[in-house]
Full PDB file with SEQRES, HELIX, SHEET, SSBOND, CRYST1, ORIGX, SCALE, CONECT and MASTER records, all heavy atoms in Angstrom:
SEQRES   1 A   31  GLY THR PHE GLU GLY LYS THR VAL ARG LEU GLY ARG PRO          
SEQRES   2 A   31  GLY TRP ILE ASN PRO GLY SER LEU ALA SER ASP VAL GLU          
SEQRES   3 A   31  ARG MET GLN THR ALA                                          
HELIX    1 AA1 GLY A   19  LEU A   21  5                                   3    
HELIX    2 AA2 ALA A   22  THR A   30  1                                   9    
SHEET    1 AA1 2 THR A   2  PHE A   3  0                                        
SHEET    2 AA1 2 LYS A   6  THR A   7 -1                                        
CRYST1    1.000    1.000    1.000  90.00  90.00  90.00 P 1           1          
ORIGX1      1.000000  0.000000  0.000000        0.00000                         
ORIGX2      0.000000  1.000000  0.000000        0.00000                         
ORIGX3      0.000000  0.000000  1.000000        0.00000                         
SCALE1      1.000000  0.000000  0.000000        0.00000                         
SCALE2      0.000000  1.000000  0.000000        0.00000                         
SCALE3      0.000000  0.000000  1.000000        0.00000                         
ATOM      1  N   GLY A   1      91.523 108.352  89.357  1.00  0.00           N  
ATOM      2  CA  GLY A   1      90.282 107.746  88.970  1.00  0.00           C  
ATOM      3  C   GLY A   1      89.581 107.131  90.199  1.00  0.00           C  
ATOM      4  O   GLY A   1      89.953 107.424  91.363  1.00  0.00           O  
ATOM      5  N   THR A   2      88.644 106.295  89.943  1.00  0.00           N  
ATOM      6  CA  THR A   2      87.860 105.644  91.033  1.00  0.00           C  
ATOM      7  C   THR A   2      87.867 104.158  90.854  1.00  0.00           C  
ATOM      8  O   THR A   2      87.624 103.628  89.731  1.00  0.00           O  
ATOM      9  CB  THR A   2      86.429 106.165  91.030  1.00  0.00           C  
ATOM     10  OG1 THR A   2      86.401 107.570  91.162  1.00  0.00           O  
ATOM     11  CG2 THR A   2      85.624 105.553  92.191  1.00  0.00           C  
ATOM     12  N   PHE A   3      88.148 103.424  91.923  1.00  0.00           N  
ATOM     13  CA  PHE A   3      88.149 101.976  91.929  1.00  0.00           C  
ATOM     14  C   PHE A   3      87.518 101.462  93.208  1.00  0.00           C  
ATOM     15  O   PHE A   3      87.964 101.759  94.298  1.00  0.00           O  
ATOM     16  CB  PHE A   3      89.589 101.446  91.769  1.00  0.00           C  
ATOM     17  CG  PHE A   3      89.682  99.901  91.846  1.00  0.00           C  
ATOM     18  CD1 PHE A   3      89.101  99.125  90.869  1.00  0.00           C  
ATOM     19  CD2 PHE A   3      90.333  99.318  92.904  1.00  0.00           C  
ATOM     20  CE1 PHE A   3      89.177  97.750  90.907  1.00  0.00           C  
ATOM     21  CE2 PHE A   3      90.446  97.921  92.960  1.00  0.00           C  
ATOM     22  CZ  PHE A   3      89.848  97.135  91.953  1.00  0.00           C  
ATOM     23  N   GLU A   4      86.430 100.695  93.063  1.00  0.00           N  
ATOM     24  CA  GLU A   4      85.667 100.146  94.170  1.00  0.00           C  
ATOM     25  C   GLU A   4      85.277 101.241  95.193  1.00  0.00           C  
ATOM     26  O   GLU A   4      85.390 101.106  96.395  1.00  0.00           O  
ATOM     27  CB  GLU A   4      86.486  99.054  94.895  1.00  0.00           C  
ATOM     28  CG  GLU A   4      86.729  97.845  93.968  1.00  0.00           C  
ATOM     29  CD  GLU A   4      87.491  96.731  94.695  1.00  0.00           C  
ATOM     30  OE1 GLU A   4      88.053  97.027  95.784  1.00  0.00           O  
ATOM     31  OE2 GLU A   4      87.547  95.607  94.154  1.00  0.00           O  
ATOM     32  N   GLY A   5      84.896 102.419  94.623  1.00  0.00           N  
ATOM     33  CA  GLY A   5      84.427 103.492  95.443  1.00  0.00           C  
ATOM     34  C   GLY A   5      85.506 104.322  96.114  1.00  0.00           C  
ATOM     35  O   GLY A   5      85.221 105.314  96.816  1.00  0.00           O  
ATOM     36  N   LYS A   6      86.765 103.978  95.821  1.00  0.00           N  
ATOM     37  CA  LYS A   6      87.893 104.729  96.394  1.00  0.00           C  
ATOM     38  C   LYS A   6      88.596 105.555  95.309  1.00  0.00           C  
ATOM     39  O   LYS A   6      88.676 105.119  94.148  1.00  0.00           O  
ATOM     40  CB  LYS A   6      88.912 103.740  97.045  1.00  0.00           C  
ATOM     41  CG  LYS A   6      88.314 102.860  98.155  1.00  0.00           C  
ATOM     42  CD  LYS A   6      89.410 101.912  98.656  1.00  0.00           C  
ATOM     43  CE  LYS A   6      88.835 100.941  99.694  1.00  0.00           C  
ATOM     44  NZ  LYS A   6      89.820  99.952 100.138  1.00  0.00           N  
ATOM     45  N   THR A   7      89.146 106.667  95.748  1.00  0.00           N  
ATOM     46  CA  THR A   7      89.902 107.461  94.806  1.00  0.00           C  
ATOM     47  C   THR A   7      91.301 106.879  94.705  1.00  0.00           C  
ATOM     48  O   THR A   7      92.011 106.647  95.715  1.00  0.00           O  
ATOM     49  CB  THR A   7      90.015 108.931  95.308  1.00  0.00           C  
ATOM     50  OG1 THR A   7      88.692 109.486  95.349  1.00  0.00           O  
ATOM     51  CG2 THR A   7      90.873 109.775  94.369  1.00  0.00           C  
ATOM     52  N   VAL A   8      91.721 106.611  93.465  1.00  0.00           N  
ATOM     53  CA  VAL A   8      93.079 106.056  93.241  1.00  0.00           C  
ATOM     54  C   VAL A   8      93.855 107.034  92.345  1.00  0.00           C  
ATOM     55  O   VAL A   8      93.285 107.709  91.483  1.00  0.00           O  
ATOM     56  CB  VAL A   8      92.991 104.670  92.565  1.00  0.00           C  
ATOM     57  CG1 VAL A   8      92.437 103.631  93.550  1.00  0.00           C  
ATOM     58  CG2 VAL A   8      92.155 104.679  91.302  1.00  0.00           C  
ATOM     59  N   ARG A   9      95.149 107.043  92.542  1.00  0.00           N  
ATOM     60  CA  ARG A   9      95.995 107.943  91.800  1.00  0.00           C  
ATOM     61  C   ARG A   9      97.314 107.250  91.379  1.00  0.00           C  
ATOM     62  O   ARG A   9      97.786 106.358  92.089  1.00  0.00           O  
ATOM     63  CB  ARG A   9      96.359 109.204  92.657  1.00  0.00           C  
ATOM     64  CG  ARG A   9      95.188 110.055  93.051  1.00  0.00           C  
ATOM     65  CD  ARG A   9      95.638 111.425  93.514  1.00  0.00           C  
ATOM     66  NE  ARG A   9      96.527 111.388  94.661  1.00  0.00           N  
ATOM     67  CZ  ARG A   9      97.260 112.446  95.073  1.00  0.00           C  
ATOM     68  NH1 ARG A   9      97.176 113.598  94.449  1.00  0.00           N  
ATOM     69  NH2 ARG A   9      98.037 112.322  96.141  1.00  0.00           N  
ATOM     70  N   LEU A  10      97.861 107.699  90.285  1.00  0.00           N  
ATOM     71  CA  LEU A  10      99.168 107.223  89.793  1.00  0.00           C  
ATOM     72  C   LEU A  10      99.936 108.449  89.345  1.00  0.00           C  
ATOM     73  O   LEU A  10      99.428 109.249  88.585  1.00  0.00           O  
ATOM     74  CB  LEU A  10      98.964 106.252  88.644  1.00  0.00           C  
ATOM     75  CG  LEU A  10     100.260 105.695  87.934  1.00  0.00           C  
ATOM     76  CD1 LEU A  10     100.001 104.273  87.428  1.00  0.00           C  
ATOM     77  CD2 LEU A  10     100.673 106.563  86.780  1.00  0.00           C  
ATOM     78  N   GLY A  11     101.168 108.597  89.820  1.00  0.00           N  
ATOM     79  CA  GLY A  11     101.939 109.728  89.413  1.00  0.00           C  
ATOM     80  C   GLY A  11     103.350 109.752  89.962  1.00  0.00           C  
ATOM     81  O   GLY A  11     103.789 108.808  90.612  1.00  0.00           O  
ATOM     82  N   ARG A  12     103.998 110.872  89.753  1.00  0.00           N  
ATOM     83  CA  ARG A  12     105.387 110.990  90.168  1.00  0.00           C  
ATOM     84  C   ARG A  12     105.512 111.295  91.631  1.00  0.00           C  
ATOM     85  O   ARG A  12     104.574 111.817  92.252  1.00  0.00           O  
ATOM     86  CB  ARG A  12     106.034 112.122  89.336  1.00  0.00           C  
ATOM     87  CG  ARG A  12     105.361 113.500  89.538  1.00  0.00           C  
ATOM     88  CD  ARG A  12     106.042 114.565  88.763  1.00  0.00           C  
ATOM     89  NE  ARG A  12     105.355 115.861  88.895  1.00  0.00           N  
ATOM     90  CZ  ARG A  12     105.514 116.685  89.939  1.00  0.00           C  
ATOM     91  NH1 ARG A  12     106.247 116.318  90.970  1.00  0.00           N  
ATOM     92  NH2 ARG A  12     104.836 117.809  89.968  1.00  0.00           N  
ATOM     93  N   PRO A  13     106.694 110.950  92.196  1.00  0.00           N  
ATOM     94  CA  PRO A  13     106.952 111.343  93.596  1.00  0.00           C  
ATOM     95  C   PRO A  13     106.922 112.860  93.730  1.00  0.00           C  
ATOM     96  O   PRO A  13     107.443 113.606  92.853  1.00  0.00           O  
ATOM     97  CB  PRO A  13     108.380 110.814  93.832  1.00  0.00           C  
ATOM     98  CG  PRO A  13     108.537 109.697  92.859  1.00  0.00           C  
ATOM     99  CD  PRO A  13     107.739 110.119  91.643  1.00  0.00           C  
ATOM    100  N   GLY A  14     106.328 113.340  94.782  1.00  0.00           N  
ATOM    101  CA  GLY A  14     106.157 114.779  94.941  1.00  0.00           C  
ATOM    102  C   GLY A  14     104.681 115.120  94.829  1.00  0.00           C  
ATOM    103  O   GLY A  14     104.118 115.826  95.620  1.00  0.00           O  
ATOM    104  N   TRP A  15     104.052 114.567  93.778  1.00  0.00           N  
ATOM    105  CA  TRP A  15     102.589 114.687  93.672  1.00  0.00           C  
ATOM    106  C   TRP A  15     101.929 113.666  94.606  1.00  0.00           C  
ATOM    107  O   TRP A  15     100.937 113.950  95.265  1.00  0.00           O  
ATOM    108  CB  TRP A  15     102.145 114.448  92.254  1.00  0.00           C  
ATOM    109  CG  TRP A  15     100.672 114.698  92.037  1.00  0.00           C  
ATOM    110  CD1 TRP A  15      99.978 115.850  92.330  1.00  0.00           C  
ATOM    111  CD2 TRP A  15      99.712 113.799  91.483  1.00  0.00           C  
ATOM    112  NE1 TRP A  15      98.641 115.736  92.013  1.00  0.00           N  
ATOM    113  CE2 TRP A  15      98.449 114.472  91.462  1.00  0.00           C  
ATOM    114  CE3 TRP A  15      99.780 112.481  90.998  1.00  0.00           C  
ATOM    115  CZ2 TRP A  15      97.305 113.857  90.968  1.00  0.00           C  
ATOM    116  CZ3 TRP A  15      98.638 111.930  90.507  1.00  0.00           C  
ATOM    117  CH2 TRP A  15      97.411 112.585  90.498  1.00  0.00           C  
ATOM    118  N   ILE A  16     102.544 112.486  94.701  1.00  0.00           N  
ATOM    119  CA  ILE A  16     102.132 111.439  95.639  1.00  0.00           C  
ATOM    120  C   ILE A  16     103.263 111.262  96.662  1.00  0.00           C  
ATOM    121  O   ILE A  16     104.401 111.084  96.264  1.00  0.00           O  
ATOM    122  CB  ILE A  16     101.809 110.130  94.946  1.00  0.00           C  
ATOM    123  CG1 ILE A  16     100.603 110.307  93.985  1.00  0.00           C  
ATOM    124  CG2 ILE A  16     101.532 109.032  95.949  1.00  0.00           C  
ATOM    125  CD1 ILE A  16     100.277 109.078  93.163  1.00  0.00           C  
ATOM    126  N   ASN A  17     102.945 111.296  97.895  1.00  0.00           N  
ATOM    127  CA  ASN A  17     103.959 111.107  98.978  1.00  0.00           C  
ATOM    128  C   ASN A  17     104.373 109.641  99.001  1.00  0.00           C  
ATOM    129  O   ASN A  17     103.534 108.747  99.209  1.00  0.00           O  
ATOM    130  CB  ASN A  17     103.359 111.518 100.327  1.00  0.00           C  
ATOM    131  CG  ASN A  17     104.423 111.561 101.425  1.00  0.00           C  
ATOM    132  OD1 ASN A  17     105.480 110.991 101.281  1.00  0.00           O  
ATOM    133  ND2 ASN A  17     104.121 112.214 102.513  1.00  0.00           N  
ATOM    134  N   PRO A  18     105.668 109.332  98.877  1.00  0.00           N  
ATOM    135  CA  PRO A  18     106.111 107.926  98.877  1.00  0.00           C  
ATOM    136  C   PRO A  18     105.935 107.239 100.199  1.00  0.00           C  
ATOM    137  O   PRO A  18     105.861 105.999 100.257  1.00  0.00           O  
ATOM    138  CB  PRO A  18     107.580 107.996  98.432  1.00  0.00           C  
ATOM    139  CG  PRO A  18     107.983 109.378  98.785  1.00  0.00           C  
ATOM    140  CD  PRO A  18     106.757 110.259  98.619  1.00  0.00           C  
ATOM    141  N   GLY A  19     105.876 107.973 101.274  1.00  0.00           N  
ATOM    142  CA  GLY A  19     105.687 107.382 102.631  1.00  0.00           C  
ATOM    143  C   GLY A  19     106.687 106.284 102.923  1.00  0.00           C  
ATOM    144  O   GLY A  19     107.910 106.463 102.852  1.00  0.00           O  
ATOM    145  N   SER A  20     106.193 105.080 103.225  1.00  0.00           N  
ATOM    146  CA  SER A  20     107.046 103.953 103.602  1.00  0.00           C  
ATOM    147  C   SER A  20     107.876 103.448 102.439  1.00  0.00           C  
ATOM    148  O   SER A  20     108.824 102.636 102.625  1.00  0.00           O  
ATOM    149  CB  SER A  20     106.215 102.824 104.170  1.00  0.00           C  
ATOM    150  OG  SER A  20     105.259 102.339 103.204  1.00  0.00           O  
ATOM    151  N   LEU A  21     107.561 103.859 101.240  1.00  0.00           N  
ATOM    152  CA  LEU A  21     108.307 103.406 100.039  1.00  0.00           C  
ATOM    153  C   LEU A  21     109.372 104.403  99.629  1.00  0.00           C  
ATOM    154  O   LEU A  21     109.934 104.231  98.549  1.00  0.00           O  
ATOM    155  CB  LEU A  21     107.306 103.159  98.888  1.00  0.00           C  
ATOM    156  CG  LEU A  21     106.260 102.100  99.065  1.00  0.00           C  
ATOM    157  CD1 LEU A  21     105.377 102.017  97.851  1.00  0.00           C  
ATOM    158  CD2 LEU A  21     106.949 100.729  99.300  1.00  0.00           C  
ATOM    159  N   ALA A  22     109.697 105.360 100.483  1.00  0.00           N  
ATOM    160  CA  ALA A  22     110.699 106.372 100.123  1.00  0.00           C  
ATOM    161  C   ALA A  22     112.036 105.727  99.778  1.00  0.00           C  
ATOM    162  O   ALA A  22     112.712 106.143  98.787  1.00  0.00           O  
ATOM    163  CB  ALA A  22     110.880 107.359 101.266  1.00  0.00           C  
ATOM    164  N   SER A  23     112.477 104.757 100.517  1.00  0.00           N  
ATOM    165  CA  SER A  23     113.762 104.093 100.238  1.00  0.00           C  
ATOM    166  C   SER A  23     113.705 103.315  98.941  1.00  0.00           C  
ATOM    167  O   SER A  23     114.695 103.273  98.189  1.00  0.00           O  
ATOM    168  CB  SER A  23     114.171 103.150 101.414  1.00  0.00           C  
ATOM    169  OG  SER A  23     113.179 102.142 101.598  1.00  0.00           O  
ATOM    170  N   ASP A  24     112.569 102.683  98.657  1.00  0.00           N  
ATOM    171  CA  ASP A  24     112.415 101.977  97.387  1.00  0.00           C  
ATOM    172  C   ASP A  24     112.455 102.891  96.216  1.00  0.00           C  
ATOM    173  O   ASP A  24     113.126 102.635  95.172  1.00  0.00           O  
ATOM    174  CB  ASP A  24     111.077 101.198  97.375  1.00  0.00           C  
ATOM    175  CG  ASP A  24     111.046 100.091  98.408  1.00  0.00           C  
ATOM    176  OD1 ASP A  24     111.512  98.983  98.104  1.00  0.00           O  
ATOM    177  OD2 ASP A  24     110.561 100.354  99.537  1.00  0.00           O  
ATOM    178  N   VAL A  25     111.771 104.061  96.328  1.00  0.00           N  
ATOM    179  CA  VAL A  25     111.810 105.047  95.239  1.00  0.00           C  
ATOM    180  C   VAL A  25     113.201 105.559  95.012  1.00  0.00           C  
ATOM    181  O   VAL A  25     113.691 105.692  93.863  1.00  0.00           O  
ATOM    182  CB  VAL A  25     110.864 106.192  95.570  1.00  0.00           C  
ATOM    183  CG1 VAL A  25     111.001 107.343  94.566  1.00  0.00           C  
ATOM    184  CG2 VAL A  25     109.368 105.702  95.533  1.00  0.00           C  
ATOM    185  N   GLU A  26     113.945 105.822  96.097  1.00  0.00           N  
ATOM    186  CA  GLU A  26     115.326 106.305  95.954  1.00  0.00           C  
ATOM    187  C   GLU A  26     116.197 105.276  95.290  1.00  0.00           C  
ATOM    188  O   GLU A  26     117.020 105.610  94.417  1.00  0.00           O  
ATOM    189  CB  GLU A  26     115.859 106.645  97.334  1.00  0.00           C  
ATOM    190  CG  GLU A  26     117.267 107.254  97.297  1.00  0.00           C  
ATOM    191  CD  GLU A  26     117.798 107.570  98.669  1.00  0.00           C  
ATOM    192  OE1 GLU A  26     117.076 107.364  99.676  1.00  0.00           O  
ATOM    193  OE2 GLU A  26     118.943 108.027  98.756  1.00  0.00           O  
ATOM    194  N   ARG A  27     116.009 104.045  95.621  1.00  0.00           N  
ATOM    195  CA  ARG A  27     116.780 102.935  95.025  1.00  0.00           C  
ATOM    196  C   ARG A  27     116.475 102.846  93.519  1.00  0.00           C  
ATOM    197  O   ARG A  27     117.404 102.679  92.702  1.00  0.00           O  
ATOM    198  CB  ARG A  27     116.448 101.635  95.723  1.00  0.00           C  
ATOM    199  CG  ARG A  27     117.092 100.391  95.114  1.00  0.00           C  
ATOM    200  CD  ARG A  27     116.803  99.176  95.986  1.00  0.00           C  
ATOM    201  NE  ARG A  27     115.403  98.996  96.229  1.00  0.00           N  
ATOM    202  CZ  ARG A  27     114.588  98.347  95.373  1.00  0.00           C  
ATOM    203  NH1 ARG A  27     115.064  97.838  94.233  1.00  0.00           N  
ATOM    204  NH2 ARG A  27     113.305  98.207  95.652  1.00  0.00           N  
ATOM    205  N   MET A  28     115.210 102.980  93.171  1.00  0.00           N  
ATOM    206  CA  MET A  28     114.824 102.891  91.752  1.00  0.00           C  
ATOM    207  C   MET A  28     115.429 104.046  90.946  1.00  0.00           C  
ATOM    208  O   MET A  28     115.977 103.844  89.832  1.00  0.00           O  
ATOM    209  CB  MET A  28     113.290 102.957  91.601  1.00  0.00           C  
ATOM    210  CG  MET A  28     112.554 101.736  92.165  1.00  0.00           C  
ATOM    211  SD  MET A  28     110.750 102.004  92.194  1.00  0.00           S  
ATOM    212  CE  MET A  28     110.194 100.407  92.811  1.00  0.00           C  
ATOM    213  N   GLN A  29     115.401 105.243  91.512  1.00  0.00           N  
ATOM    214  CA  GLN A  29     115.938 106.407  90.837  1.00  0.00           C  
ATOM    215  C   GLN A  29     117.450 106.340  90.710  1.00  0.00           C  
ATOM    216  O   GLN A  29     118.018 106.760  89.690  1.00  0.00           O  
ATOM    217  CB  GLN A  29     115.459 107.678  91.515  1.00  0.00           C  
ATOM    218  CG  GLN A  29     113.990 107.924  91.425  1.00  0.00           C  
ATOM    219  CD  GLN A  29     113.512 109.147  92.209  1.00  0.00           C  
ATOM    220  OE1 GLN A  29     114.158 109.535  93.183  1.00  0.00           O  
ATOM    221  NE2 GLN A  29     112.406 109.740  91.825  1.00  0.00           N  
ATOM    222  N   THR A  30     118.098 105.814  91.725  1.00  0.00           N  
ATOM    223  CA  THR A  30     119.560 105.668  91.686  1.00  0.00           C  
ATOM    224  C   THR A  30     119.981 104.691  90.594  1.00  0.00           C  
ATOM    225  O   THR A  30     121.057 104.849  90.006  1.00  0.00           O  
ATOM    226  CB  THR A  30     120.071 105.174  93.051  1.00  0.00           C  
ATOM    227  OG1 THR A  30     119.710 106.103  94.075  1.00  0.00           O  
ATOM    228  CG2 THR A  30     121.590 105.052  93.034  1.00  0.00           C  
ATOM    229  N   ALA A  31     119.108 103.715  90.326  1.00  0.00           N  
ATOM    230  CA  ALA A  31     119.386 102.735  89.277  1.00  0.00           C  
ATOM    231  C   ALA A  31     119.034 103.287  87.901  1.00  0.00           C  
ATOM    232  O   ALA A  31     119.131 102.524  86.913  1.00  0.00           O  
ATOM    233  CB  ALA A  31     118.619 101.446  89.556  1.00  0.00           C  
TER     234      ALA A  31                                                      
MASTER        0    0    0    2    2    0    0    6  233    1    0    3          
END                                                                             
């Protein structure tokens, strides 16, 4: 969608690159 003129997205890893949060995502999935 759009928020304050910027494109925003919400979705699963793979569609959105986790970047610096890769370790957090891995920790969440392991749990």
